[in-house]
Amino acid sequence: MTKPDQTFHLMGRSVLWNRSDRLAVTVLIGIWGIYLICYAATHTEMLTRPPSINSSKVRLVGEKIDPNTASPASLRRLPMIGPAKAEAIVVYRRAHQGQSGSAFKSEKDLEKVSGIGPETIERISRHLVFDERQP
C-alpha cells in the first residue's frame, strides 16, 4: 500500500489523495476544459451576436407592412411599436378612413397618431408600404 502524499479534509472527514488520484482529477479537468474551448469555438454566434432586446419583433428583411390594412399584431412587429401604439394606429385608421379607404397616404400621416413622432417614423418607414390601389 502506498503512503498518501497529502491529506485533504472534506466536510470534516479526512480524504486521502495519492498521486494517481490527483493525476486522474487533473486529466478529467483538462478534458473538460478542452471540451469547453471546442464548444465555444464552434458556437461563436453566442459570443458575436448581441442578445435581442425584444425577440418578439420579426426581422422585417423583405417584408413590408401596410398601416392601412395591418392588424394590431402585425403593426407590433414594427420597431418601436408596442401594443398601445399599434392599437392607436388602428383606432385612428378606423376614425379617419376616407372614401379612398386609406387613412395613411405616406409615413408623415402616421405622425397624426398619438404617440408617434419623427423618431418612430424614421425607424419604421423602411418597413412600410402604402397601397394606392385600395378602394
N, C-alpha and C. Protein backbone atom coordinates (compact mmCIF):
# COMPACT_ATOMS: atom_id res chain seq x y z
N MET A 1 0.84 -1.18 0.00
CA MET A 1 0.00 0.00 0.00
C MET A 1 0.88 1.24 0.00
N THR A 2 0.46 2.20 -0.83
CA THR A 2 1.26 3.42 -0.92
C THR A 2 0.83 4.40 0.14
N LYS A 3 1.79 5.16 0.59
CA LYS A 3 1.53 6.18 1.58
C LYS A 3 1.01 7.42 0.88
N PRO A 4 -0.10 7.99 1.35
CA PRO A 4 -0.64 9.19 0.70
C PRO A 4 0.34 10.35 0.79
N ASP A 5 0.37 11.13 -0.33
CA ASP A 5 1.25 12.29 -0.38
C ASP A 5 0.69 13.45 0.44
N GLN A 6 -0.60 13.53 0.50
CA GLN A 6 -1.22 14.68 1.16
C GLN A 6 -2.60 14.28 1.65
N THR A 7 -3.03 14.84 2.74
CA THR A 7 -4.34 14.56 3.29
C THR A 7 -5.19 15.82 3.14
N PHE A 8 -6.40 15.66 2.61
CA PHE A 8 -7.34 16.76 2.48
C PHE A 8 -8.52 16.48 3.39
N HIS A 9 -9.18 17.53 3.81
CA HIS A 9 -10.36 17.39 4.65
C HIS A 9 -11.57 17.92 3.88
N LEU A 10 -12.59 17.08 3.83
CA LEU A 10 -13.82 17.43 3.15
C LEU A 10 -14.98 17.15 4.08
N MET A 11 -15.71 18.18 4.45
CA MET A 11 -16.85 18.08 5.35
C MET A 11 -16.47 17.38 6.66
N GLY A 12 -15.33 17.75 7.18
CA GLY A 12 -14.91 17.23 8.46
C GLY A 12 -14.30 15.84 8.42
N ARG A 13 -14.20 15.27 7.23
CA ARG A 13 -13.62 13.93 7.12
C ARG A 13 -12.30 14.02 6.39
N SER A 14 -11.41 13.19 6.75
CA SER A 14 -10.11 13.14 6.12
C SER A 14 -10.21 12.36 4.82
N VAL A 15 -9.81 12.97 3.71
CA VAL A 15 -9.85 12.33 2.41
C VAL A 15 -8.41 12.17 1.94
N LEU A 16 -8.04 10.99 1.60
CA LEU A 16 -6.68 10.72 1.17
C LEU A 16 -6.58 10.81 -0.34
N TRP A 17 -5.63 11.59 -0.81
CA TRP A 17 -5.39 11.75 -2.24
C TRP A 17 -3.95 11.31 -2.51
N ASN A 18 -3.81 10.25 -3.23
CA ASN A 18 -2.46 9.87 -3.60
C ASN A 18 -2.15 10.46 -4.97
N ARG A 19 -0.98 10.23 -5.45
CA ARG A 19 -0.52 10.84 -6.70
C ARG A 19 -1.42 10.43 -7.88
N SER A 20 -1.83 9.18 -7.97
CA SER A 20 -2.66 8.75 -9.10
C SER A 20 -4.06 9.37 -9.04
N ASP A 21 -4.59 9.60 -7.82
CA ASP A 21 -5.89 10.27 -7.68
C ASP A 21 -5.81 11.70 -8.22
N ARG A 22 -4.77 12.41 -7.81
CA ARG A 22 -4.60 13.79 -8.26
C ARG A 22 -4.39 13.85 -9.77
N LEU A 23 -3.66 12.90 -10.33
CA LEU A 23 -3.43 12.85 -11.76
C LEU A 23 -4.75 12.61 -12.51
N ALA A 24 -5.58 11.69 -12.01
CA ALA A 24 -6.86 11.39 -12.65
C ALA A 24 -7.77 12.61 -12.64
N VAL A 25 -7.84 13.32 -11.53
CA VAL A 25 -8.67 14.53 -11.44
C VAL A 25 -8.13 15.60 -12.39
N THR A 26 -6.84 15.76 -12.46
CA THR A 26 -6.23 16.75 -13.35
C THR A 26 -6.54 16.44 -14.80
N VAL A 27 -6.47 15.17 -15.19
CA VAL A 27 -6.78 14.77 -16.56
C VAL A 27 -8.25 15.04 -16.87
N LEU A 28 -9.15 14.71 -15.96
CA LEU A 28 -10.58 14.95 -16.18
C LEU A 28 -10.88 16.45 -16.32
N ILE A 29 -10.26 17.25 -15.50
CA ILE A 29 -10.47 18.71 -15.60
C ILE A 29 -9.90 19.22 -16.92
N GLY A 30 -8.77 18.69 -17.35
CA GLY A 30 -8.18 19.08 -18.63
C GLY A 30 -9.08 18.73 -19.80
N ILE A 31 -9.64 17.52 -19.79
CA ILE A 31 -10.55 17.10 -20.86
C ILE A 31 -11.79 17.99 -20.88
N TRP A 32 -12.31 18.30 -19.72
CA TRP A 32 -13.48 19.18 -19.63
C TRP A 32 -13.15 20.57 -20.17
N GLY A 33 -11.98 21.09 -19.85
CA GLY A 33 -11.56 22.40 -20.35
C GLY A 33 -11.43 22.41 -21.87
N ILE A 34 -10.85 21.35 -22.44
CA ILE A 34 -10.72 21.26 -23.89
C ILE A 34 -12.09 21.20 -24.55
N TYR A 35 -13.01 20.47 -23.95
CA TYR A 35 -14.38 20.41 -24.48
C TYR A 35 -15.01 21.80 -24.50
N LEU A 36 -14.85 22.55 -23.41
CA LEU A 36 -15.45 23.89 -23.35
C LEU A 36 -14.84 24.82 -24.40
N ILE A 37 -13.56 24.72 -24.63
CA ILE A 37 -12.89 25.55 -25.64
C ILE A 37 -13.40 25.19 -27.03
N CYS A 38 -13.51 23.90 -27.31
CA CYS A 38 -14.02 23.47 -28.62
C CYS A 38 -15.47 23.89 -28.82
N TYR A 39 -16.27 23.78 -27.78
CA TYR A 39 -17.68 24.17 -27.87
C TYR A 39 -17.80 25.67 -28.15
N ALA A 40 -17.01 26.46 -27.44
CA ALA A 40 -17.06 27.91 -27.64
C ALA A 40 -16.58 28.29 -29.04
N ALA A 41 -15.60 27.56 -29.57
CA ALA A 41 -15.09 27.86 -30.90
C ALA A 41 -16.11 27.53 -31.99
N THR A 42 -16.93 26.53 -31.78
CA THR A 42 -17.91 26.15 -32.80
C THR A 42 -19.25 26.86 -32.63
N HIS A 43 -19.44 27.55 -31.53
CA HIS A 43 -20.69 28.28 -31.28
C HIS A 43 -20.38 29.76 -31.08
N THR A 44 -19.67 30.35 -32.01
CA THR A 44 -19.25 31.75 -31.88
C THR A 44 -20.41 32.73 -32.00
N GLU A 45 -21.54 32.32 -32.59
CA GLU A 45 -22.66 33.26 -32.72
C GLU A 45 -23.15 33.72 -31.36
N MET A 46 -22.96 32.90 -30.33
CA MET A 46 -23.37 33.30 -28.99
C MET A 46 -22.50 34.44 -28.48
N LEU A 47 -21.25 34.48 -28.94
CA LEU A 47 -20.33 35.49 -28.47
C LEU A 47 -20.36 36.75 -29.32
N THR A 48 -20.64 36.60 -30.62
CA THR A 48 -20.58 37.74 -31.52
C THR A 48 -21.91 38.44 -31.73
N ARG A 49 -23.02 37.77 -31.51
CA ARG A 49 -24.34 38.36 -31.72
C ARG A 49 -24.88 38.87 -30.41
N PRO A 50 -25.15 40.18 -30.31
CA PRO A 50 -25.71 40.69 -29.07
C PRO A 50 -27.11 40.15 -28.86
N PRO A 51 -27.50 39.97 -27.63
CA PRO A 51 -28.84 39.46 -27.38
C PRO A 51 -29.89 40.47 -27.82
N SER A 52 -30.96 39.97 -28.34
CA SER A 52 -32.04 40.81 -28.81
C SER A 52 -32.82 41.35 -27.62
N ILE A 53 -33.08 42.65 -27.65
CA ILE A 53 -33.84 43.27 -26.56
C ILE A 53 -35.29 42.83 -26.63
N ASN A 54 -35.82 42.79 -27.83
CA ASN A 54 -37.21 42.38 -27.99
C ASN A 54 -37.26 41.32 -29.07
N SER A 55 -37.15 40.08 -28.66
CA SER A 55 -37.06 38.99 -29.62
C SER A 55 -38.39 38.70 -30.29
N SER A 56 -39.50 39.27 -29.82
CA SER A 56 -40.79 39.01 -30.46
C SER A 56 -40.94 39.82 -31.75
N LYS A 57 -40.08 40.81 -31.96
CA LYS A 57 -40.13 41.58 -33.20
C LYS A 57 -39.63 40.72 -34.34
N VAL A 58 -40.31 40.80 -35.45
CA VAL A 58 -39.94 40.00 -36.61
C VAL A 58 -38.85 40.71 -37.37
N ARG A 59 -37.95 39.94 -37.91
CA ARG A 59 -36.92 40.52 -38.78
C ARG A 59 -37.59 40.85 -40.11
N LEU A 60 -37.83 42.10 -40.31
CA LEU A 60 -38.56 42.55 -41.49
C LEU A 60 -37.57 42.76 -42.64
N VAL A 61 -37.00 41.70 -43.14
CA VAL A 61 -35.98 41.80 -44.16
C VAL A 61 -36.59 42.27 -45.47
N GLY A 62 -37.49 41.51 -46.04
CA GLY A 62 -38.09 41.90 -47.30
C GLY A 62 -39.57 42.21 -47.16
N GLU A 63 -40.07 42.08 -45.96
CA GLU A 63 -41.49 42.24 -45.73
C GLU A 63 -41.84 43.72 -45.54
N LYS A 64 -42.97 44.10 -46.07
CA LYS A 64 -43.49 45.45 -45.89
C LYS A 64 -44.88 45.35 -45.29
N ILE A 65 -45.20 46.28 -44.41
CA ILE A 65 -46.50 46.29 -43.74
C ILE A 65 -47.25 47.54 -44.16
N ASP A 66 -48.51 47.36 -44.52
CA ASP A 66 -49.37 48.48 -44.90
C ASP A 66 -50.17 48.89 -43.66
N PRO A 67 -49.93 50.09 -43.11
CA PRO A 67 -50.66 50.51 -41.92
C PRO A 67 -52.15 50.72 -42.16
N ASN A 68 -52.57 50.77 -43.41
CA ASN A 68 -53.99 50.93 -43.73
C ASN A 68 -54.77 49.63 -43.62
N THR A 69 -54.08 48.50 -43.62
CA THR A 69 -54.77 47.21 -43.59
C THR A 69 -54.24 46.27 -42.51
N ALA A 70 -53.11 46.58 -41.91
CA ALA A 70 -52.47 45.67 -40.95
C ALA A 70 -53.25 45.56 -39.65
N SER A 71 -53.21 44.38 -39.08
CA SER A 71 -53.83 44.15 -37.78
C SER A 71 -52.91 44.71 -36.68
N PRO A 72 -53.42 44.89 -35.48
CA PRO A 72 -52.55 45.34 -34.39
C PRO A 72 -51.37 44.39 -34.17
N ALA A 73 -51.57 43.09 -34.34
CA ALA A 73 -50.47 42.13 -34.17
C ALA A 73 -49.38 42.36 -35.21
N SER A 74 -49.79 42.63 -36.45
CA SER A 74 -48.80 42.91 -37.50
C SER A 74 -48.07 44.21 -37.23
N LEU A 75 -48.79 45.21 -36.79
CA LEU A 75 -48.16 46.51 -36.50
C LEU A 75 -47.16 46.42 -35.36
N ARG A 76 -47.43 45.54 -34.39
CA ARG A 76 -46.50 45.39 -33.25
C ARG A 76 -45.17 44.81 -33.68
N ARG A 77 -45.10 44.23 -34.85
CA ARG A 77 -43.85 43.68 -35.35
C ARG A 77 -42.90 44.76 -35.80
N LEU A 78 -43.38 45.97 -35.96
CA LEU A 78 -42.54 47.09 -36.36
C LEU A 78 -41.68 47.57 -35.19
N PRO A 79 -40.48 48.08 -35.46
CA PRO A 79 -39.65 48.62 -34.38
C PRO A 79 -40.36 49.78 -33.69
N MET A 80 -40.24 49.85 -32.39
CA MET A 80 -40.78 50.93 -31.56
C MET A 80 -42.31 50.97 -31.51
N ILE A 81 -42.97 49.94 -32.01
CA ILE A 81 -44.43 49.90 -31.96
C ILE A 81 -44.84 48.78 -31.02
N GLY A 82 -45.41 49.18 -29.90
CA GLY A 82 -45.89 48.22 -28.93
C GLY A 82 -47.40 48.07 -29.05
N PRO A 83 -48.01 47.38 -28.10
CA PRO A 83 -49.46 47.17 -28.16
C PRO A 83 -50.27 48.47 -28.17
N ALA A 84 -49.87 49.44 -27.36
CA ALA A 84 -50.63 50.70 -27.27
C ALA A 84 -50.56 51.49 -28.58
N LYS A 85 -49.36 51.61 -29.15
CA LYS A 85 -49.23 52.35 -30.40
C LYS A 85 -49.91 51.63 -31.56
N ALA A 86 -49.82 50.31 -31.57
CA ALA A 86 -50.48 49.54 -32.63
C ALA A 86 -51.99 49.75 -32.57
N GLU A 87 -52.54 49.71 -31.37
CA GLU A 87 -53.98 49.93 -31.21
C GLU A 87 -54.35 51.37 -31.58
N ALA A 88 -53.48 52.33 -31.24
CA ALA A 88 -53.76 53.73 -31.59
C ALA A 88 -53.78 53.92 -33.11
N ILE A 89 -52.90 53.22 -33.82
CA ILE A 89 -52.90 53.31 -35.28
C ILE A 89 -54.21 52.77 -35.85
N VAL A 90 -54.66 51.64 -35.32
CA VAL A 90 -55.90 51.03 -35.82
C VAL A 90 -57.10 51.92 -35.50
N VAL A 91 -57.15 52.48 -34.30
CA VAL A 91 -58.26 53.37 -33.92
C VAL A 91 -58.27 54.61 -34.81
N TYR A 92 -57.11 55.20 -35.03
CA TYR A 92 -57.02 56.39 -35.89
C TYR A 92 -57.46 56.02 -37.31
N ARG A 93 -56.99 54.88 -37.80
CA ARG A 93 -57.32 54.44 -39.16
C ARG A 93 -58.83 54.29 -39.33
N ARG A 94 -59.47 53.66 -38.35
CA ARG A 94 -60.93 53.47 -38.45
C ARG A 94 -61.68 54.79 -38.42
N ALA A 95 -61.18 55.74 -37.62
CA ALA A 95 -61.85 57.03 -37.48
C ALA A 95 -61.62 57.95 -38.69
N HIS A 96 -60.54 57.74 -39.42
CA HIS A 96 -60.18 58.69 -40.49
C HIS A 96 -60.11 58.08 -41.87
N GLN A 97 -60.66 56.92 -42.06
CA GLN A 97 -60.68 56.36 -43.41
C GLN A 97 -61.63 57.17 -44.26
N GLY A 98 -61.09 57.67 -45.35
CA GLY A 98 -61.92 58.45 -46.27
C GLY A 98 -62.55 57.55 -47.31
N GLN A 99 -63.03 58.16 -48.36
CA GLN A 99 -63.65 57.39 -49.44
C GLN A 99 -62.61 56.54 -50.16
N SER A 100 -61.36 56.96 -50.09
CA SER A 100 -60.31 56.17 -50.74
C SER A 100 -60.00 54.90 -49.95
N GLY A 101 -60.45 54.83 -48.69
CA GLY A 101 -60.20 53.67 -47.86
C GLY A 101 -58.85 53.71 -47.17
N SER A 102 -58.11 54.79 -47.38
CA SER A 102 -56.78 54.91 -46.79
C SER A 102 -56.72 56.08 -45.83
N ALA A 103 -56.41 55.80 -44.60
CA ALA A 103 -56.21 56.87 -43.64
C ALA A 103 -54.79 57.42 -43.74
N PHE A 104 -53.88 56.58 -44.24
CA PHE A 104 -52.46 56.95 -44.33
C PHE A 104 -52.01 56.86 -45.78
N LYS A 105 -51.58 57.99 -46.30
CA LYS A 105 -51.07 58.02 -47.68
C LYS A 105 -49.54 57.95 -47.70
N SER A 106 -48.90 58.34 -46.60
CA SER A 106 -47.44 58.31 -46.50
C SER A 106 -47.04 58.17 -45.04
N GLU A 107 -45.75 58.04 -44.81
CA GLU A 107 -45.23 57.91 -43.45
C GLU A 107 -45.60 59.12 -42.59
N LYS A 108 -45.57 60.30 -43.20
CA LYS A 108 -45.86 61.53 -42.46
C LYS A 108 -47.26 61.52 -41.86
N ASP A 109 -48.20 60.85 -42.51
CA ASP A 109 -49.57 60.78 -42.00
C ASP A 109 -49.63 60.04 -40.66
N LEU A 110 -48.68 59.15 -40.42
CA LEU A 110 -48.68 58.41 -39.15
C LEU A 110 -48.35 59.31 -37.96
N GLU A 111 -47.73 60.46 -38.22
CA GLU A 111 -47.43 61.39 -37.12
C GLU A 111 -48.70 61.96 -36.50
N LYS A 112 -49.81 61.84 -37.18
CA LYS A 112 -51.09 62.31 -36.64
C LYS A 112 -51.61 61.40 -35.53
N VAL A 113 -51.05 60.20 -35.44
CA VAL A 113 -51.45 59.24 -34.42
C VAL A 113 -50.74 59.61 -33.12
N SER A 114 -51.48 59.64 -32.04
CA SER A 114 -50.92 59.98 -30.73
C SER A 114 -49.81 59.00 -30.35
N GLY A 115 -48.66 59.53 -29.96
CA GLY A 115 -47.55 58.71 -29.52
C GLY A 115 -46.54 58.38 -30.60
N ILE A 116 -46.81 58.78 -31.83
CA ILE A 116 -45.88 58.50 -32.93
C ILE A 116 -45.29 59.83 -33.40
N GLY A 117 -43.98 59.91 -33.30
CA GLY A 117 -43.28 61.12 -33.69
C GLY A 117 -42.26 60.86 -34.78
N PRO A 118 -41.45 61.87 -35.09
CA PRO A 118 -40.47 61.75 -36.17
C PRO A 118 -39.46 60.61 -35.98
N GLU A 119 -39.04 60.38 -34.74
CA GLU A 119 -38.07 59.31 -34.49
C GLU A 119 -38.67 57.93 -34.82
N THR A 120 -39.91 57.73 -34.40
CA THR A 120 -40.58 56.47 -34.70
C THR A 120 -40.76 56.31 -36.21
N ILE A 121 -41.18 57.39 -36.88
CA ILE A 121 -41.38 57.34 -38.33
C ILE A 121 -40.07 56.99 -39.02
N GLU A 122 -38.98 57.57 -38.57
CA GLU A 122 -37.67 57.29 -39.16
C GLU A 122 -37.30 55.81 -39.03
N ARG A 123 -37.60 55.23 -37.88
CA ARG A 123 -37.25 53.82 -37.63
C ARG A 123 -38.13 52.83 -38.38
N ILE A 124 -39.40 53.20 -38.62
CA ILE A 124 -40.31 52.22 -39.23
C ILE A 124 -40.54 52.45 -40.72
N SER A 125 -40.14 53.59 -41.25
CA SER A 125 -40.50 53.94 -42.64
C SER A 125 -40.02 52.92 -43.66
N ARG A 126 -38.87 52.32 -43.44
CA ARG A 126 -38.36 51.35 -44.44
C ARG A 126 -39.14 50.04 -44.41
N HIS A 127 -39.99 49.85 -43.39
CA HIS A 127 -40.78 48.62 -43.28
C HIS A 127 -42.23 48.83 -43.71
N LEU A 128 -42.55 50.03 -44.20
CA LEU A 128 -43.93 50.35 -44.54
C LEU A 128 -44.15 50.39 -46.05
N VAL A 129 -45.37 50.09 -46.42
CA VAL A 129 -45.80 50.23 -47.81
C VAL A 129 -47.20 50.85 -47.77
N PHE A 130 -47.48 51.69 -48.74
CA PHE A 130 -48.78 52.34 -48.81
C PHE A 130 -49.39 52.00 -50.16
N ASP A 131 -50.44 51.19 -50.13
CA ASP A 131 -51.09 50.74 -51.35
C ASP A 131 -52.08 51.80 -51.83
N GLU A 132 -51.77 52.39 -52.95
CA GLU A 132 -52.63 53.46 -53.51
C GLU A 132 -53.84 52.88 -54.23
N ARG A 133 -53.90 51.58 -54.46
CA ARG A 133 -54.97 50.99 -55.24
C ARG A 133 -56.14 50.54 -54.40
N GLN A 134 -56.15 50.89 -53.13
CA GLN A 134 -57.26 50.46 -52.27
C GLN A 134 -58.55 51.15 -52.67
N PRO A 135 -59.68 50.48 -52.57
CA PRO A 135 -60.97 51.08 -52.95
C PRO A 135 -61.35 52.22 -52.04
